[in-house]
Amino acid sequence: MTESDGPALRCFIGAFLERESAQLLAAHLRLPEGVRRIDRSAWHVTLKFLGATPAASVADLLATVAALQACPIEVEVTGFIGMPRAVHARVVAAEVAADPRLSAWAERLATLLGPEDRQFRPHVTVARSGRPIRFPLQKLAAPVSISLQAPALYRSVLERSGARYRRVLAEEPAGDSRRMVTRESCRRLLRTDHMGDS
């Protein structure tokens, strides 16, 4: 990275839970003493971890995310697991059932931006431990359906209270709303495409 690239941002591409879904999931979570629950507003599925990212690369990354043409989706959580291993866990995560849409997004991003060091395993990190713990699988009696926002580019900002995630947006004209892709906007897009084909 050169000086002309600008300051580096710690970035990732992910799909965040809708607020109601995070509340629903939290109601099923049972944590051992000493394990800290992460703020629900930070719960997300990481599709591609980017790490230190030159500011000059942001426009290309935003175009890559837009090329996914992704909409909000619903997925199922089957239980809570300890990671990286149940017998030596540092984090607790909600395990997301295999979903072809999530897999397709992750595979597309790996093709465009480079492969990950490990196989994609969709999950939502919900808690952290300051020391390794044993956390055997907490299987839910029935899968819980949660809503994910459309994938977007985010940056991680370190604050005293911990990491905070902020969506990275392209500069827009004054007065424009910085809206996220919603189910309704997707439906409008699909209707428009359909009309164009007729």
C-alpha atoms as a PDB file:
ATOM      1  CA  MET A   1       0.000   0.000   0.000  1.00  0.00           C
ATOM      2  CA  THR A   2       1.346   3.455  -0.915  1.00  0.00           C
ATOM      3  CA  GLU A   3       0.610   6.857   0.604  1.00  0.00           C
ATOM      4  CA  SER A   4      -1.564   7.648  -2.418  1.00  0.00           C
ATOM      5  CA  ASP A   5      -3.849   4.779  -1.419  1.00  0.00           C
ATOM      6  CA  GLY A   6      -4.960   6.736   1.639  1.00  0.00           C
ATOM      7  CA  PRO A   7      -5.435   5.412   5.172  1.00  0.00           C
ATOM      8  CA  ALA A   8      -6.326   1.754   5.566  1.00  0.00           C
ATOM      9  CA  LEU A   9      -9.746   0.728   6.822  1.00  0.00           C
ATOM     10  CA  ARG A  10     -10.461  -2.599   8.532  1.00  0.00           C
ATOM     11  CA  CYS A  11     -13.278  -3.904   6.378  1.00  0.00           C
ATOM     12  CA  PHE A  12     -15.512  -6.881   5.695  1.00  0.00           C
ATOM     13  CA  ILE A  13     -18.564  -7.700   3.621  1.00  0.00           C
ATOM     14  CA  GLY A  14     -21.459  -9.001   5.657  1.00  0.00           C
ATOM     15  CA  ALA A  15     -25.199  -9.320   6.118  1.00  0.00           C
ATOM     16  CA  PHE A  16     -26.554  -7.922   9.388  1.00  0.00           C
ATOM     17  CA  LEU A  17     -29.577  -9.218  11.245  1.00  0.00           C
ATOM     18  CA  GLU A  18     -32.734  -7.174  11.309  1.00  0.00           C
ATOM     19  CA  ARG A  19     -33.406  -5.800  14.797  1.00  0.00           C
ATOM     20  CA  GLU A  20     -36.440  -8.011  15.433  1.00  0.00           C
ATOM     21  CA  SER A  21     -34.514 -11.110  14.415  1.00  0.00           C
ATOM     22  CA  ALA A  22     -31.645 -10.255  16.757  1.00  0.00           C
ATOM     23  CA  GLN A  23     -34.118  -9.870  19.622  1.00  0.00           C
ATOM     24  CA  LEU A  24     -35.737 -13.208  18.772  1.00  0.00           C
ATOM     25  CA  LEU A  25     -32.396 -14.988  18.611  1.00  0.00           C
ATOM     26  CA  ALA A  26     -31.208 -13.445  21.876  1.00  0.00           C
ATOM     27  CA  ALA A  27     -34.219 -14.928  23.661  1.00  0.00           C
ATOM     28  CA  HIS A  28     -32.888 -18.417  22.902  1.00  0.00           C
ATOM     29  CA  LEU A  29     -29.289 -17.760  23.968  1.00  0.00           C
ATOM     30  CA  ARG A  30     -27.989 -19.199  27.244  1.00  0.00           C
ATOM     31  CA  LEU A  31     -24.437 -18.240  28.212  1.00  0.00           C
ATOM     32  CA  PRO A  32     -22.165 -19.539  30.983  1.00  0.00           C
ATOM     33  CA  GLU A  33     -20.952 -17.130  33.631  1.00  0.00           C
ATOM     34  CA  GLY A  34     -18.152 -14.844  32.517  1.00  0.00           C
ATOM     35  CA  VAL A  35     -19.002 -14.901  28.826  1.00  0.00           C
ATOM     36  CA  ARG A  36     -19.835 -11.464  27.417  1.00  0.00           C
ATOM     37  CA  ARG A  37     -22.740 -11.085  25.036  1.00  0.00           C
ATOM     38  CA  ILE A  38     -22.004  -8.854  22.055  1.00  0.00           C
ATOM     39  CA  ASP A  39     -24.368  -5.951  21.425  1.00  0.00           C
ATOM     40  CA  ARG A  40     -27.208  -7.259  19.251  1.00  0.00           C
ATOM     41  CA  SER A  41     -26.799  -4.381  16.795  1.00  0.00           C
ATOM     42  CA  ALA A  42     -23.436  -5.909  15.803  1.00  0.00           C
ATOM     43  CA  TRP A  43     -24.765  -9.394  14.977  1.00  0.00           C
ATOM     44  CA  HIS A  44     -24.058 -10.361  11.366  1.00  0.00           C
ATOM     45  CA  VAL A  45     -22.957 -13.105   8.984  1.00  0.00           C
ATOM     46  CA  THR A  46     -19.521 -12.386   7.514  1.00  0.00           C
ATOM     47  CA  LEU A  47     -19.363 -13.253   3.827  1.00  0.00           C
ATOM     48  CA  LYS A  48     -15.838 -11.984   3.157  1.00  0.00           C
ATOM     49  CA  PHE A  49     -13.241 -10.689   5.618  1.00  0.00           C
ATOM     50  CA  LEU A  50     -11.009  -8.095   3.975  1.00  0.00           C
ATOM     51  CA  GLY A  51      -8.841  -6.772   6.819  1.00  0.00           C
ATOM     52  CA  ALA A  52      -6.731  -3.668   6.192  1.00  0.00           C
ATOM     53  CA  THR A  53      -8.214  -2.053   3.098  1.00  0.00           C
ATOM     54  CA  PRO A  54      -6.826   1.042   1.316  1.00  0.00           C
ATOM     55  CA  ALA A  55      -9.403   3.814   1.135  1.00  0.00           C
ATOM     56  CA  ALA A  56      -8.687   4.006  -2.586  1.00  0.00           C
ATOM     57  CA  SER A  57     -10.134   0.481  -2.966  1.00  0.00           C
ATOM     58  CA  VAL A  58     -13.527   1.317  -1.477  1.00  0.00           C
ATOM     59  CA  ALA A  59     -15.193   2.292  -4.764  1.00  0.00           C
ATOM     60  CA  ASP A  60     -14.199  -1.007  -6.385  1.00  0.00           C
ATOM     61  CA  LEU A  61     -15.402  -2.962  -3.351  1.00  0.00           C
ATOM     62  CA  LEU A  62     -18.758  -1.189  -3.381  1.00  0.00           C
ATOM     63  CA  ALA A  63     -19.104  -2.082  -7.068  1.00  0.00           C
ATOM     64  CA  THR A  64     -18.283  -5.705  -6.237  1.00  0.00           C
ATOM     65  CA  VAL A  65     -21.008  -5.822  -3.577  1.00  0.00           C
ATOM     66  CA  ALA A  66     -23.490  -4.183  -5.947  1.00  0.00           C
ATOM     67  CA  ALA A  67     -22.667  -6.822  -8.568  1.00  0.00           C
ATOM     68  CA  LEU A  68     -24.068  -9.488  -6.231  1.00  0.00           C
ATOM     69  CA  GLN A  69     -27.533  -8.010  -6.872  1.00  0.00           C
ATOM     70  CA  ALA A  70     -28.453  -9.387  -3.464  1.00  0.00           C
ATOM     71  CA  CYS A  71     -31.674  -8.801  -1.551  1.00  0.00           C
ATOM     72  CA  PRO A  72     -32.570  -9.363   2.114  1.00  0.00           C
ATOM     73  CA  ILE A  73     -33.222 -13.027   2.863  1.00  0.00           C
ATOM     74  CA  GLU A  74     -34.460 -15.281   5.640  1.00  0.00           C
ATOM     75  CA  VAL A  75     -32.284 -18.094   6.952  1.00  0.00           C
ATOM     76  CA  GLU A  76     -32.540 -20.586   9.808  1.00  0.00           C
ATOM     77  CA  VAL A  77     -30.467 -20.874  12.972  1.00  0.00           C
ATOM     78  CA  THR A  78     -30.224 -24.424  14.302  1.00  0.00           C
ATOM     79  CA  GLY A  79     -28.302 -23.865  17.547  1.00  0.00           C
ATOM     80  CA  PHE A  80     -25.368 -22.212  19.293  1.00  0.00           C
ATOM     81  CA  ILE A  81     -21.790 -23.473  19.025  1.00  0.00           C
ATOM     82  CA  GLY A  82     -18.397 -22.734  20.563  1.00  0.00           C
ATOM     83  CA  MET A  83     -15.689 -21.604  18.143  1.00  0.00           C
ATOM     84  CA  PRO A  84     -13.101 -22.399  17.001  1.00  0.00           C
ATOM     85  CA  ARG A  85     -13.758 -25.643  18.945  1.00  0.00           C
ATOM     86  CA  ALA A  86     -16.327 -26.606  21.545  1.00  0.00           C
ATOM     87  CA  VAL A  87     -13.642 -27.717  24.023  1.00  0.00           C
ATOM     88  CA  HIS A  88     -11.540 -24.581  23.570  1.00  0.00           C
ATOM     89  CA  ALA A  89     -14.000 -21.860  22.607  1.00  0.00           C
ATOM     90  CA  ARG A  90     -13.269 -18.165  22.555  1.00  0.00           C
ATOM     91  CA  VAL A  91     -16.553 -17.140  20.966  1.00  0.00           C
ATOM     92  CA  VAL A  92     -20.137 -18.371  20.942  1.00  0.00           C
ATOM     93  CA  ALA A  93     -21.915 -18.286  17.602  1.00  0.00           C
ATOM     94  CA  ALA A  94     -25.369 -18.975  16.250  1.00  0.00           C
ATOM     95  CA  GLU A  95     -25.000 -21.697  13.628  1.00  0.00           C
ATOM     96  CA  VAL A  96     -26.811 -20.844  10.412  1.00  0.00           C
ATOM     97  CA  ALA A  97     -28.196 -23.734   8.377  1.00  0.00           C
ATOM     98  CA  ALA A  98     -26.649 -24.194   4.950  1.00  0.00           C
ATOM     99  CA  ASP A  99     -28.325 -21.843   2.501  1.00  0.00           C
ATOM    100  CA  PRO A 100     -27.599 -21.768  -1.248  1.00  0.00           C
ATOM    101  CA  ARG A 101     -27.926 -17.972  -1.410  1.00  0.00           C
ATOM    102  CA  LEU A 102     -25.352 -17.350   1.302  1.00  0.00           C
ATOM    103  CA  SER A 103     -23.032 -19.906  -0.258  1.00  0.00           C
ATOM    104  CA  ALA A 104     -23.415 -18.344  -3.701  1.00  0.00           C
ATOM    105  CA  TRP A 105     -22.585 -14.884  -2.361  1.00  0.00           C
ATOM    106  CA  ALA A 106     -19.547 -16.159  -0.498  1.00  0.00           C
ATOM    107  CA  GLU A 107     -18.316 -18.116  -3.514  1.00  0.00           C
ATOM    108  CA  ARG A 108     -18.777 -15.100  -5.798  1.00  0.00           C
ATOM    109  CA  LEU A 109     -16.848 -12.849  -3.432  1.00  0.00           C
ATOM    110  CA  ALA A 110     -14.073 -15.436  -3.112  1.00  0.00           C
ATOM    111  CA  THR A 111     -13.808 -15.564  -6.900  1.00  0.00           C
ATOM    112  CA  LEU A 112     -13.637 -11.786  -7.244  1.00  0.00           C
ATOM    113  CA  LEU A 113     -11.571 -10.914  -4.176  1.00  0.00           C
ATOM    114  CA  GLY A 114      -9.585 -14.053  -3.426  1.00  0.00           C
ATOM    115  CA  PRO A 115     -10.340 -17.224  -1.436  1.00  0.00           C
ATOM    116  CA  GLU A 116     -10.564 -17.435   2.339  1.00  0.00           C
ATOM    117  CA  ASP A 117      -8.112 -19.487   4.389  1.00  0.00           C
ATOM    118  CA  ARG A 118     -10.942 -21.751   5.542  1.00  0.00           C
ATOM    119  CA  GLN A 119     -14.198 -23.073   4.192  1.00  0.00           C
ATOM    120  CA  PHE A 120     -17.214 -20.792   4.451  1.00  0.00           C
ATOM    121  CA  ARG A 121     -19.305 -21.708   7.490  1.00  0.00           C
ATOM    122  CA  PRO A 122     -22.187 -19.260   7.988  1.00  0.00           C
ATOM    123  CA  HIS A 123     -22.596 -18.166  11.600  1.00  0.00           C
ATOM    124  CA  VAL A 124     -23.385 -15.155  13.756  1.00  0.00           C
ATOM    125  CA  THR A 125     -20.914 -14.376  16.546  1.00  0.00           C
ATOM    126  CA  VAL A 126     -23.056 -13.490  19.568  1.00  0.00           C
ATOM    127  CA  ALA A 127     -20.667 -13.634  22.559  1.00  0.00           C
ATOM    128  CA  ARG A 128     -16.976 -13.657  23.489  1.00  0.00           C
ATOM    129  CA  SER A 129     -14.951 -15.077  26.348  1.00  0.00           C
ATOM    130  CA  GLY A 130     -11.744 -13.640  27.745  1.00  0.00           C
ATOM    131  CA  ARG A 131     -10.447 -17.175  28.298  1.00  0.00           C
ATOM    132  CA  PRO A 132     -10.990 -20.528  26.581  1.00  0.00           C
ATOM    133  CA  ILE A 133     -14.159 -22.291  27.704  1.00  0.00           C
ATOM    134  CA  ARG A 134     -16.042 -25.492  27.015  1.00  0.00           C
ATOM    135  CA  PHE A 135     -19.206 -24.759  25.098  1.00  0.00           C
ATOM    136  CA  PRO A 136     -20.950 -27.885  23.784  1.00  0.00           C
ATOM    137  CA  LEU A 137     -23.548 -27.544  21.076  1.00  0.00           C
ATOM    138  CA  GLN A 138     -26.809 -25.966  22.253  1.00  0.00           C
ATOM    139  CA  LYS A 139     -29.268 -27.457  19.800  1.00  0.00           C
ATOM    140  CA  LEU A 140     -32.532 -25.547  19.448  1.00  0.00           C
ATOM    141  CA  ALA A 141     -35.737 -27.507  19.798  1.00  0.00           C
ATOM    142  CA  ALA A 142     -36.775 -26.126  16.416  1.00  0.00           C
ATOM    143  CA  PRO A 143     -34.912 -23.937  13.908  1.00  0.00           C
ATOM    144  CA  VAL A 144     -35.359 -20.191  14.365  1.00  0.00           C
ATOM    145  CA  SER A 145     -35.960 -18.150  11.230  1.00  0.00           C
ATOM    146  CA  ILE A 146     -34.067 -14.841  11.099  1.00  0.00           C
ATOM    147  CA  SER A 147     -34.007 -12.015   8.563  1.00  0.00           C
ATOM    148  CA  LEU A 148     -30.726 -10.791   7.121  1.00  0.00           C
ATOM    149  CA  GLN A 149     -30.239  -7.443   5.435  1.00  0.00           C
ATOM    150  CA  ALA A 150     -28.705  -7.402   1.974  1.00  0.00           C
ATOM    151  CA  PRO A 151     -24.900  -7.762   2.014  1.00  0.00           C
ATOM    152  CA  ALA A 152     -22.936  -4.536   2.313  1.00  0.00           C
ATOM    153  CA  LEU A 153     -19.404  -3.272   2.906  1.00  0.00           C
ATOM    154  CA  TYR A 154     -18.598  -2.432   6.541  1.00  0.00           C
ATOM    155  CA  ARG A 155     -15.640  -1.054   8.429  1.00  0.00           C
ATOM    156  CA  SER A 156     -14.662  -1.970  11.965  1.00  0.00           C
ATOM    157  CA  VAL A 157     -13.946   0.984  14.242  1.00  0.00           C
ATOM    158  CA  LEU A 158     -12.250   0.318  17.559  1.00  0.00           C
ATOM    159  CA  GLU A 159     -13.730   2.237  20.488  1.00  0.00           C
ATOM    160  CA  ARG A 160     -13.240   1.966  24.246  1.00  0.00           C
ATOM    161  CA  SER A 161     -16.312  -0.217  24.533  1.00  0.00           C
ATOM    162  CA  GLY A 162     -15.076  -2.498  21.740  1.00  0.00           C
ATOM    163  CA  ALA A 163     -15.401  -2.753  17.986  1.00  0.00           C
ATOM    164  CA  ARG A 164     -18.225  -0.900  16.266  1.00  0.00           C
ATOM    165  CA  TYR A 165     -19.282  -1.645  12.712  1.00  0.00           C
ATOM    166  CA  ARG A 166     -20.180   1.131  10.307  1.00  0.00           C
ATOM    167  CA  ARG A 167     -21.507   0.699   6.812  1.00  0.00           C
ATOM    168  CA  VAL A 168     -19.235   2.120   4.121  1.00  0.00           C
ATOM    169  CA  LEU A 169     -21.119   4.206   1.586  1.00  0.00           C
ATOM    170  CA  ALA A 170     -20.098   6.003  -1.581  1.00  0.00           C
ATOM    171  CA  GLU A 171     -20.338   9.769  -1.559  1.00  0.00           C
ATOM    172  CA  GLU A 172     -23.818  10.824  -2.569  1.00  0.00           C
ATOM    173  CA  PRO A 173     -25.328  14.201  -3.525  1.00  0.00           C
ATOM    174  CA  ALA A 174     -26.543  16.291  -0.593  1.00  0.00           C
ATOM    175  CA  GLY A 175     -30.076  15.429   0.367  1.00  0.00           C
ATOM    176  CA  ASP A 176     -29.989  11.882  -0.963  1.00  0.00           C
ATOM    177  CA  SER A 177     -31.080   9.222   1.500  1.00  0.00           C
ATOM    178  CA  ARG A 178     -28.441   6.578   2.184  1.00  0.00           C
ATOM    179  CA  ARG A 179     -30.930   3.750   2.057  1.00  0.00           C
ATOM    180  CA  MET A 180     -30.253   0.060   2.359  1.00  0.00           C
ATOM    181  CA  VAL A 181     -31.637  -2.506  -0.045  1.00  0.00           C
ATOM    182  CA  THR A 182     -35.001  -3.652   1.287  1.00  0.00           C
ATOM    183  CA  ARG A 183     -37.415  -6.409   0.294  1.00  0.00           C
ATOM    184  CA  GLU A 184     -39.755  -3.794  -1.174  1.00  0.00           C
ATOM    185  CA  SER A 185     -37.011  -2.235  -3.313  1.00  0.00           C
ATOM    186  CA  CYS A 186     -36.141  -5.734  -4.565  1.00  0.00           C
ATOM    187  CA  ARG A 187     -39.761  -6.384  -5.454  1.00  0.00           C
ATOM    188  CA  ARG A 188     -39.892  -3.075  -7.347  1.00  0.00           C
ATOM    189  CA  LEU A 189     -36.707  -3.993  -9.202  1.00  0.00           C
ATOM    190  CA  LEU A 190     -38.084  -7.417 -10.136  1.00  0.00           C
ATOM    191  CA  ARG A 191     -41.366  -5.872 -11.326  1.00  0.00           C
ATOM    192  CA  THR A 192     -39.436  -3.365 -13.449  1.00  0.00           C
ATOM    193  CA  ASP A 193     -37.269  -6.096 -14.973  1.00  0.00           C
ATOM    194  CA  HIS A 194     -40.353  -8.185 -15.708  1.00  0.00           C
ATOM    195  CA  MET A 195     -42.088  -5.258 -17.435  1.00  0.00           C
ATOM    196  CA  GLY A 196     -38.966  -4.665 -19.501  1.00  0.00           C
ATOM    197  CA  ASP A 197     -39.069  -8.254 -20.740  1.00  0.00           C
ATOM    198  CA  SER A 198     -42.669  -8.074 -21.852  1.00  0.00           C
END
